[in-house]
């Protein structure tokens, strides 16, 4: 649950995080949102979906582990992509 909250927080932060475009810092919130939606938003949103709660919360005991592997791979992908973005913002 903590990881899910962190991914949601990351999405919210990315809607307010400036970025570089042609060597200039873009700080317009609308442009930031459009840029984020066009780039990493779908990956981050997929990673934030709590598949384990959705699948195991149904009470069914025959849920395939493939869904859990899928959600974990999405979360790993998002985490790996998050690190380089953070290092660019700290420059």
PDB file of N, CA and C in Angstrom:
ATOM      1  N   UNK A   1       0.819  -1.189   0.000  1.00  0.00           N
ATOM      2  CA  UNK A   1       0.000   0.000   0.000  1.00  0.00           C
ATOM      3  C   UNK A   1       0.868   1.259   0.000  1.00  0.00           C
ATOM      4  N   UNK A   2       1.974   1.223   0.721  1.00  0.00           N
ATOM      5  CA  UNK A   2       2.882   2.362   0.771  1.00  0.00           C
ATOM      6  C   UNK A   2       3.434   2.676  -0.612  1.00  0.00           C
ATOM      7  N   UNK A   3       3.802   1.639  -1.345  1.00  0.00           N
ATOM      8  CA  UNK A   3       4.357   1.831  -2.690  1.00  0.00           C
ATOM      9  C   UNK A   3       3.304   2.447  -3.601  1.00  0.00           C
ATOM     10  N   UNK A   4       2.065   2.007  -3.490  1.00  0.00           N
ATOM     11  CA  UNK A   4       0.990   2.579  -4.297  1.00  0.00           C
ATOM     12  C   UNK A   4       0.822   4.066  -4.014  1.00  0.00           C
ATOM     13  N   UNK A   5       0.884   4.431  -2.757  1.00  0.00           N
ATOM     14  CA  UNK A   5       0.770   5.836  -2.375  1.00  0.00           C
ATOM     15  C   UNK A   5       1.941   6.644  -2.927  1.00  0.00           C
ATOM     16  N   UNK A   6       3.123   6.051  -2.915  1.00  0.00           N
ATOM     17  CA  UNK A   6       4.295   6.743  -3.450  1.00  0.00           C
ATOM     18  C   UNK A   6       4.170   6.955  -4.964  1.00  0.00           C
ATOM     19  N   UNK A   7       3.641   5.983  -5.684  1.00  0.00           N
ATOM     20  CA  UNK A   7       3.458   6.153  -7.123  1.00  0.00           C
ATOM     21  C   UNK A   7       2.430   7.244  -7.414  1.00  0.00           C
ATOM     22  N   UNK A   8       1.379   7.302  -6.630  1.00  0.00           N
ATOM     23  CA  UNK A   8       0.375   8.349  -6.821  1.00  0.00           C
ATOM     24  C   UNK A   8       0.983   9.718  -6.506  1.00  0.00           C
ATOM     25  N   UNK A   9       1.779   9.788  -5.451  1.00  0.00           N
ATOM     26  CA  UNK A   9       2.464  11.042  -5.118  1.00  0.00           C
ATOM     27  C   UNK A   9       3.408  11.449  -6.243  1.00  0.00           C
ATOM     28  N   UNK A  10       4.088  10.478  -6.834  1.00  0.00           N
ATOM     29  CA  UNK A  10       4.998  10.764  -7.950  1.00  0.00           C
ATOM     30  C   UNK A  10       4.230  11.356  -9.129  1.00  0.00           C
ATOM     31  N   UNK A  11       3.052  10.821  -9.409  1.00  0.00           N
ATOM     32  CA  UNK A  11       2.231  11.363 -10.499  1.00  0.00           C
ATOM     33  C   UNK A  11       1.861  12.814 -10.217  1.00  0.00           C
ATOM     34  N   UNK A  12       1.425  13.085  -9.005  1.00  0.00           N
ATOM     35  CA  UNK A  12       1.046  14.451  -8.647  1.00  0.00           C
ATOM     36  C   UNK A  12       2.233  15.408  -8.731  1.00  0.00           C
ATOM     37  N   UNK A  13       3.376  14.961  -8.282  1.00  0.00           N
ATOM     38  CA  UNK A  13       4.582  15.795  -8.335  1.00  0.00           C
ATOM     39  C   UNK A  13       4.980  16.072  -9.780  1.00  0.00           C
ATOM     40  N   UNK A  14       4.880  15.060 -10.639  1.00  0.00           N
ATOM     41  CA  UNK A  14       5.273  15.247 -12.030  1.00  0.00           C
ATOM     42  C   UNK A  14       4.376  16.225 -12.786  1.00  0.00           C
ATOM     43  N   UNK A  15       3.156  16.419 -12.324  1.00  0.00           N
ATOM     44  CA  UNK A  15       2.294  17.421 -12.938  1.00  0.00           C
ATOM     45  C   UNK A  15       2.733  18.840 -12.583  1.00  0.00           C
ATOM     46  N   UNK A  16       3.638  18.977 -11.614  1.00  0.00           N
ATOM     47  CA  UNK A  16       4.114  20.299 -11.199  1.00  0.00           C
ATOM     48  C   UNK A  16       5.626  20.476 -11.378  1.00  0.00           C
ATOM     49  N   UNK A  17       6.298  19.502 -11.979  1.00  0.00           N
ATOM     50  CA  UNK A  17       7.743  19.546 -12.111  1.00  0.00           C
ATOM     51  C   UNK A  17       8.148  20.164 -13.445  1.00  0.00           C
ATOM     52  N   UNK A  18       8.986  21.185 -13.378  1.00  0.00           N
ATOM     53  CA  UNK A  18       9.445  21.840 -14.599  1.00  0.00           C
ATOM     54  C   UNK A  18      10.300  20.895 -15.434  1.00  0.00           C
ATOM     55  N   UNK A  19      10.465  21.242 -16.697  1.00  0.00           N
ATOM     56  CA  UNK A  19      11.306  20.456 -17.594  1.00  0.00           C
ATOM     57  C   UNK A  19      12.025  21.399 -18.558  1.00  0.00           C
ATOM     58  N   UNK A  20      13.041  20.877 -19.225  1.00  0.00           N
ATOM     59  CA  UNK A  20      13.805  21.658 -20.189  1.00  0.00           C
ATOM     60  C   UNK A  20      13.270  21.429 -21.596  1.00  0.00           C
ATOM     61  N   UNK A  21      13.124  22.511 -22.343  1.00  0.00           N
ATOM     62  CA  UNK A  21      12.729  22.438 -23.745  1.00  0.00           C
ATOM     63  C   UNK A  21      13.595  23.430 -24.519  1.00  0.00           C
ATOM     64  N   UNK A  22      14.419  22.898 -25.410  1.00  0.00           N
ATOM     65  CA  UNK A  22      15.359  23.726 -26.184  1.00  0.00           C
ATOM     66  C   UNK A  22      16.239  24.579 -25.274  1.00  0.00           C
ATOM     67  N   UNK A  23      16.682  23.998 -24.182  1.00  0.00           N
ATOM     68  CA  UNK A  23      17.590  24.682 -23.267  1.00  0.00           C
ATOM     69  C   UNK A  23      16.938  25.658 -22.310  1.00  0.00           C
ATOM     70  N   UNK A  24      15.620  25.791 -22.365  1.00  0.00           N
ATOM     71  CA  UNK A  24      14.920  26.700 -21.467  1.00  0.00           C
ATOM     72  C   UNK A  24      14.016  25.920 -20.523  1.00  0.00           C
ATOM     73  N   UNK A  25      13.921  26.407 -19.307  1.00  0.00           N
ATOM     74  CA  UNK A  25      13.077  25.764 -18.303  1.00  0.00           C
ATOM     75  C   UNK A  25      11.625  26.166 -18.548  1.00  0.00           C
ATOM     76  N   UNK A  26      10.768  25.162 -18.679  1.00  0.00           N
ATOM     77  CA  UNK A  26       9.336  25.400 -18.875  1.00  0.00           C
ATOM     78  C   UNK A  26       8.660  25.286 -17.516  1.00  0.00           C
ATOM     79  N   UNK A  27       7.993  26.364 -17.100  1.00  0.00           N
ATOM     80  CA  UNK A  27       7.334  26.358 -15.789  1.00  0.00           C
ATOM     81  C   UNK A  27       5.830  26.606 -15.886  1.00  0.00           C
ATOM     82  N   UNK A  28       5.300  26.722 -17.088  1.00  0.00           N
ATOM     83  CA  UNK A  28       3.866  26.898 -17.278  1.00  0.00           C
ATOM     84  C   UNK A  28       3.155  25.592 -16.918  1.00  0.00           C
ATOM     85  N   UNK A  29       2.252  25.611 -15.923  1.00  0.00           N
ATOM     86  CA  UNK A  29       1.599  24.371 -15.475  1.00  0.00           C
ATOM     87  C   UNK A  29       0.874  23.618 -16.587  1.00  0.00           C
ATOM     88  N   UNK A  30       0.258  24.330 -17.505  1.00  0.00           N
ATOM     89  CA  UNK A  30      -0.461  23.666 -18.603  1.00  0.00           C
ATOM     90  C   UNK A  30       0.510  22.922 -19.518  1.00  0.00           C
ATOM     91  N   UNK A  31       1.628  23.554 -19.853  1.00  0.00           N
ATOM     92  CA  UNK A  31       2.635  22.914 -20.707  1.00  0.00           C
ATOM     93  C   UNK A  31       3.278  21.730 -19.996  1.00  0.00           C
ATOM     94  N   UNK A  32       3.497  21.866 -18.687  1.00  0.00           N
ATOM     95  CA  UNK A  32       4.060  20.762 -17.906  1.00  0.00           C
ATOM     96  C   UNK A  32       3.110  19.568 -17.940  1.00  0.00           C
ATOM     97  N   UNK A  33       1.825  19.820 -17.730  1.00  0.00           N
ATOM     98  CA  UNK A  33       0.838  18.733 -17.724  1.00  0.00           C
ATOM     99  C   UNK A  33       0.762  18.044 -19.084  1.00  0.00           C
ATOM    100  N   UNK A  34       0.735  18.822 -20.153  1.00  0.00           N
ATOM    101  CA  UNK A  34       0.666  18.236 -21.497  1.00  0.00           C
ATOM    102  C   UNK A  34       1.911  17.419 -21.784  1.00  0.00           C
ATOM    103  N   UNK A  35       3.073  17.948 -21.417  1.00  0.00           N
ATOM    104  CA  UNK A  35       4.328  17.222 -21.635  1.00  0.00           C
ATOM    105  C   UNK A  35       4.344  15.910 -20.860  1.00  0.00           C
ATOM    106  N   UNK A  36       3.907  15.937 -19.620  1.00  0.00           N
ATOM    107  CA  UNK A  36       3.891  14.732 -18.793  1.00  0.00           C
ATOM    108  C   UNK A  36       2.897  13.706 -19.333  1.00  0.00           C
ATOM    109  N   UNK A  37       1.727  14.147 -19.729  1.00  0.00           N
ATOM    110  CA  UNK A  37       0.728  13.221 -20.268  1.00  0.00           C
ATOM    111  C   UNK A  37       1.232  12.580 -21.557  1.00  0.00           C
ATOM    112  N   UNK A  38       1.960  13.325 -22.364  1.00  0.00           N
ATOM    113  CA  UNK A  38       2.485  12.784 -23.619  1.00  0.00           C
ATOM    114  C   UNK A  38       3.693  11.877 -23.417  1.00  0.00           C
ATOM    115  N   UNK A  39       4.318  11.944 -22.253  1.00  0.00           N
ATOM    116  CA  UNK A  39       5.540  11.156 -22.059  1.00  0.00           C
ATOM    117  C   UNK A  39       5.334   9.987 -21.101  1.00  0.00           C
ATOM    118  N   UNK A  40       5.408  10.192 -19.804  1.00  0.00           N
ATOM    119  CA  UNK A  40       5.460   9.104 -18.828  1.00  0.00           C
ATOM    120  C   UNK A  40       4.160   8.834 -18.101  1.00  0.00           C
ATOM    121  N   UNK A  41       3.135   9.625 -18.325  1.00  0.00           N
ATOM    122  CA  UNK A  41       1.917   9.498 -17.521  1.00  0.00           C
ATOM    123  C   UNK A  41       1.290   8.105 -17.586  1.00  0.00           C
ATOM    124  N   UNK A  42       1.131   7.545 -18.764  1.00  0.00           N
ATOM    125  CA  UNK A  42       0.483   6.231 -18.871  1.00  0.00           C
ATOM    126  C   UNK A  42       1.266   5.147 -18.144  1.00  0.00           C
ATOM    127  N   UNK A  43       2.579   5.184 -18.252  1.00  0.00           N
ATOM    128  CA  UNK A  43       3.416   4.202 -17.545  1.00  0.00           C
ATOM    129  C   UNK A  43       3.281   4.391 -16.040  1.00  0.00           C
ATOM    130  N   UNK A  44       3.361   5.641 -15.596  1.00  0.00           N
ATOM    131  CA  UNK A  44       3.233   5.914 -14.161  1.00  0.00           C
ATOM    132  C   UNK A  44       1.847   5.538 -13.642  1.00  0.00           C
ATOM    133  N   UNK A  45       0.810   5.833 -14.423  1.00  0.00           N
ATOM    134  CA  UNK A  45      -0.556   5.504 -13.996  1.00  0.00           C
ATOM    135  C   UNK A  45      -0.750   3.989 -13.905  1.00  0.00           C
ATOM    136  N   UNK A  46      -0.220   3.266 -14.873  1.00  0.00           N
ATOM    137  CA  UNK A  46      -0.326   1.798 -14.830  1.00  0.00           C
ATOM    138  C   UNK A  46       0.417   1.233 -13.631  1.00  0.00           C
ATOM    139  N   UNK A  47       1.549   1.832 -13.304  1.00  0.00           N
ATOM    140  CA  UNK A  47       2.328   1.368 -12.153  1.00  0.00           C
ATOM    141  C   UNK A  47       1.618   1.666 -10.836  1.00  0.00           C
ATOM    142  N   UNK A  48       0.795   2.705 -10.821  1.00  0.00           N
ATOM    143  CA  UNK A  48       0.120   3.104  -9.579  1.00  0.00           C
ATOM    144  C   UNK A  48      -1.138   2.283  -9.292  1.00  0.00           C
ATOM    145  N   UNK A  49      -1.609   1.524 -10.272  1.00  0.00           N
ATOM    146  CA  UNK A  49      -2.806   0.715 -10.051  1.00  0.00           C
ATOM    147  C   UNK A  49      -2.481  -0.420  -9.091  1.00  0.00           C
ATOM    148  N   UNK A  50      -3.191  -0.525  -7.983  1.00  0.00           N
ATOM    149  CA  UNK A  50      -2.904  -1.582  -7.002  1.00  0.00           C
ATOM    150  C   UNK A  50      -3.504  -2.930  -7.438  1.00  0.00           C
ATOM    151  N   UNK A  51      -2.850  -3.567  -8.432  1.00  0.00           N
ATOM    152  CA  UNK A  51      -3.369  -4.823  -8.970  1.00  0.00           C
ATOM    153  C   UNK A  51      -3.519  -5.889  -7.889  1.00  0.00           C
ATOM    154  N   UNK A  52      -2.597  -5.928  -6.944  1.00  0.00           N
ATOM    155  CA  UNK A  52      -2.696  -6.945  -5.900  1.00  0.00           C
ATOM    156  C   UNK A  52      -3.976  -6.788  -5.085  1.00  0.00           C
ATOM    157  N   UNK A  53      -4.369  -5.553  -4.778  1.00  0.00           N
ATOM    158  CA  UNK A  53      -5.613  -5.339  -4.040  1.00  0.00           C
ATOM    159  C   UNK A  53      -6.828  -5.630  -4.907  1.00  0.00           C
ATOM    160  N   UNK A  54      -6.756  -5.259  -6.164  1.00  0.00           N
ATOM    161  CA  UNK A  54      -7.885  -5.503  -7.058  1.00  0.00           C
ATOM    162  C   UNK A  54      -8.116  -6.992  -7.276  1.00  0.00           C
ATOM    163  N   UNK A  55      -7.042  -7.750  -7.456  1.00  0.00           N
ATOM    164  CA  UNK A  55      -7.176  -9.167  -7.753  1.00  0.00           C
ATOM    165  C   UNK A  55      -7.443 -10.003  -6.512  1.00  0.00           C
ATOM    166  N   UNK A  56      -6.714  -9.729  -5.443  1.00  0.00           N
ATOM    167  CA  UNK A  56      -6.877 -10.530  -4.232  1.00  0.00           C
ATOM    168  C   UNK A  56      -8.014 -10.031  -3.362  1.00  0.00           C
ATOM    169  N   UNK A  57      -8.476  -8.835  -3.595  1.00  0.00           N
ATOM    170  CA  UNK A  57      -9.584  -8.300  -2.821  1.00  0.00           C
ATOM    171  C   UNK A  57     -10.927  -8.885  -3.218  1.00  0.00           C
ATOM    172  N   UNK A  58     -10.948  -9.657  -4.312  1.00  0.00           N
ATOM    173  CA  UNK A  58     -12.208 -10.245  -4.777  1.00  0.00           C
ATOM    174  C   UNK A  58     -12.596 -11.485  -3.997  1.00  0.00           C
ATOM    175  N   UNK A  59     -11.660 -12.031  -3.226  1.00  0.00           N
ATOM    176  CA  UNK A  59     -11.943 -13.236  -2.472  1.00  0.00           C
ATOM    177  C   UNK A  59     -11.671 -14.501  -3.252  1.00  0.00           C
ATOM    178  N   UNK A  60     -11.280 -14.367  -4.483  1.00  0.00           N
ATOM    179  CA  UNK A  60     -10.989 -15.530  -5.328  1.00  0.00           C
ATOM    180  C   UNK A  60      -9.577 -16.016  -5.039  1.00  0.00           C
ATOM    181  N   UNK A  61      -9.417 -17.318  -4.873  1.00  0.00           N
ATOM    182  CA  UNK A  61      -8.106 -17.865  -4.562  1.00  0.00           C
ATOM    183  C   UNK A  61      -7.392 -18.402  -5.797  1.00  0.00           C
ATOM    184  N   UNK A  62      -8.041 -18.387  -6.976  1.00  0.00           N
ATOM    185  CA  UNK A  62      -7.421 -18.930  -8.175  1.00  0.00           C
ATOM    186  C   UNK A  62      -6.925 -17.846  -9.130  1.00  0.00           C
ATOM    187  N   UNK A  63      -6.507 -16.717  -8.575  1.00  0.00           N
ATOM    188  CA  UNK A  63      -6.006 -15.614  -9.388  1.00  0.00           C
ATOM    189  C   UNK A  63      -4.619 -15.972  -9.910  1.00  0.00           C
ATOM    190  N   UNK A  64      -4.414 -15.726 -11.180  1.00  0.00           N
ATOM    191  CA  UNK A  64      -3.136 -16.047 -11.812  1.00  0.00           C
ATOM    192  C   UNK A  64      -2.046 -15.109 -11.320  1.00  0.00           C
ATOM    193  N   UNK A  65      -0.851 -15.676 -11.140  1.00  0.00           N
ATOM    194  CA  UNK A  65       0.294 -14.858 -10.736  1.00  0.00           C
ATOM    195  C   UNK A  65       0.793 -13.988 -11.871  1.00  0.00           C
ATOM    196  N   UNK A  66       0.341 -14.229 -13.096  1.00  0.00           N
ATOM    197  CA  UNK A  66       0.779 -13.415 -14.221  1.00  0.00           C
ATOM    198  C   UNK A  66       0.392 -11.953 -14.052  1.00  0.00           C
ATOM    199  N   UNK A  67      -0.781 -11.698 -13.486  1.00  0.00           N
ATOM    200  CA  UNK A  67      -1.196 -10.312 -13.271  1.00  0.00           C
ATOM    201  C   UNK A  67      -0.288  -9.618 -12.271  1.00  0.00           C
ATOM    202  N   UNK A  68       0.088 -10.345 -11.232  1.00  0.00           N
ATOM    203  CA  UNK A  68       0.975  -9.762 -10.237  1.00  0.00           C
ATOM    204  C   UNK A  68       2.342  -9.503 -10.844  1.00  0.00           C
ATOM    205  N   UNK A  69       2.837 -10.429 -11.638  1.00  0.00           N
ATOM    206  CA  UNK A  69       4.114 -10.222 -12.326  1.00  0.00           C
ATOM    207  C   UNK A  69       4.039  -9.013 -13.257  1.00  0.00           C
ATOM    208  N   UNK A  70       2.918  -8.862 -13.942  1.00  0.00           N
ATOM    209  CA  UNK A  70       2.724  -7.722 -14.828  1.00  0.00           C
ATOM    210  C   UNK A  70       2.781  -6.413 -14.060  1.00  0.00           C
ATOM    211  N   UNK A  71       2.052  -6.340 -12.953  1.00  0.00           N
ATOM    212  CA  UNK A  71       2.035  -5.094 -12.179  1.00  0.00           C
ATOM    213  C   UNK A  71       3.400  -4.797 -11.580  1.00  0.00           C
ATOM    214  N   UNK A  72       4.110  -5.833 -11.171  1.00  0.00           N
ATOM    215  CA  UNK A  72       5.449  -5.613 -10.628  1.00  0.00           C
ATOM    216  C   UNK A  72       6.416  -5.142 -11.699  1.00  0.00           C
ATOM    217  N   UNK A  73       6.281  -5.666 -12.916  1.00  0.00           N
ATOM    218  CA  UNK A  73       7.169  -5.228 -13.986  1.00  0.00           C
ATOM    219  C   UNK A  73       6.877  -3.780 -14.375  1.00  0.00           C
ATOM    220  N   UNK A  74       5.611  -3.394 -14.370  1.00  0.00           N
ATOM    221  CA  UNK A  74       5.260  -2.000 -14.651  1.00  0.00           C
ATOM    222  C   UNK A  74       5.827  -1.093 -13.562  1.00  0.00           C
ATOM    223  N   UNK A  75       5.690  -1.506 -12.314  1.00  0.00           N
ATOM    224  CA  UNK A  75       6.211  -0.714 -11.204  1.00  0.00           C
ATOM    225  C   UNK A  75       7.728  -0.586 -11.290  1.00  0.00           C
ATOM    226  N   UNK A  76       8.402  -1.659 -11.649  1.00  0.00           N
ATOM    227  CA  UNK A  76       9.857  -1.615 -11.782  1.00  0.00           C
ATOM    228  C   UNK A  76      10.248  -0.678 -12.911  1.00  0.00           C
ATOM    229  N   UNK A  77       9.551  -0.751 -14.035  1.00  0.00           N
ATOM    230  CA  UNK A  77       9.827   0.112 -15.174  1.00  0.00           C
ATOM    231  C   UNK A  77       9.663   1.574 -14.784  1.00  0.00           C
ATOM    232  N   UNK A  78       8.610   1.878 -14.075  1.00  0.00           N
ATOM    233  CA  UNK A  78       8.375   3.255 -13.656  1.00  0.00           C
ATOM    234  C   UNK A  78       9.450   3.727 -12.684  1.00  0.00           C
ATOM    235  N   UNK A  79       9.851   2.858 -11.776  1.00  0.00           N
ATOM    236  CA  UNK A  79      10.894   3.234 -10.816  1.00  0.00           C
ATOM    237  C   UNK A  79      12.221   3.491 -11.516  1.00  0.00           C
ATOM    238  N   UNK A  80      12.549   2.662 -12.484  1.00  0.00           N
ATOM    239  CA  UNK A  80      13.806   2.841 -13.225  1.00  0.00           C
ATOM    240  C   UNK A  80      13.756   4.140 -14.024  1.00  0.00           C
ATOM    241  N   UNK A  81      12.610   4.467 -14.593  1.00  0.00           N
ATOM    242  CA  UNK A  81      12.486   5.703 -15.358  1.00  0.00           C
ATOM    243  C   UNK A  81      12.456   6.928 -14.464  1.00  0.00           C
ATOM    244  N   UNK A  82      12.005   6.774 -13.244  1.00  0.00           N
ATOM    245  CA  UNK A  82      11.918   7.892 -12.315  1.00  0.00           C
ATOM    246  C   UNK A  82      13.303   8.395 -11.917  1.00  0.00           C
ATOM    247  N   UNK A  83      14.249   7.494 -11.727  1.00  0.00           N
ATOM    248  CA  UNK A  83      15.583   7.879 -11.255  1.00  0.00           C
ATOM    249  C   UNK A  83      16.288   8.852 -12.194  1.00  0.00           C
ATOM    250  N   UNK A  84      16.371   8.590 -13.509  1.00  0.00           N
ATOM    251  CA  UNK A  84      17.041   9.560 -14.377  1.00  0.00           C
ATOM    252  C   UNK A  84      16.336  10.908 -14.414  1.00  0.00           C
ATOM    253  N   UNK A  85      15.011  10.925 -14.335  1.00  0.00           N
ATOM    254  CA  UNK A  85      14.300  12.203 -14.339  1.00  0.00           C
ATOM    255  C   UNK A  85      14.670  13.021 -13.122  1.00  0.00           C
ATOM    256  N   UNK A  86      14.804  12.363 -11.983  1.00  0.00           N
ATOM    257  CA  UNK A  86      15.134  13.085 -10.768  1.00  0.00           C
ATOM    258  C   UNK A  86      16.541  13.654 -10.820  1.00  0.00           C
ATOM    259  N   UNK A  87      17.481  12.929 -11.424  1.00  0.00           N
ATOM    260  CA  UNK A  87      18.840  13.433 -11.511  1.00  0.00           C
ATOM    261  C   UNK A  87      18.912  14.625 -12.448  1.00  0.00           C
ATOM    262  N   UNK A  88      18.061  14.675 -13.489  1.00  0.00           N
ATOM    263  CA  UNK A  88      18.030  15.826 -14.389  1.00  0.00           C
ATOM    264  C   UNK A  88      17.463  17.061 -13.689  1.00  0.00           C
ATOM    265  N   UNK A  89      16.490  16.854 -12.813  1.00  0.00           N
ATOM    266  CA  UNK A  89      15.870  17.977 -12.120  1.00  0.00           C
ATOM    267  C   UNK A  89      16.798  18.585 -11.081  1.00  0.00           C
ATOM    268  N   UNK A  90      17.768  17.833 -10.634  1.00  0.00           N
ATOM    269  CA  UNK A  90      18.673  18.322  -9.597  1.00  0.00           C
ATOM    270  C   UNK A  90      19.886  19.055 -10.173  1.00  0.00           C
ATOM    271  N   UNK A  91      19.997  19.109 -11.496  1.00  0.00           N
ATOM    272  CA  UNK A  91      21.144  19.779 -12.127  1.00  0.00           C
ATOM    273  C   UNK A  91      21.023  21.281 -12.028  1.00  0.00           C
TER     274      UNK A  91
END
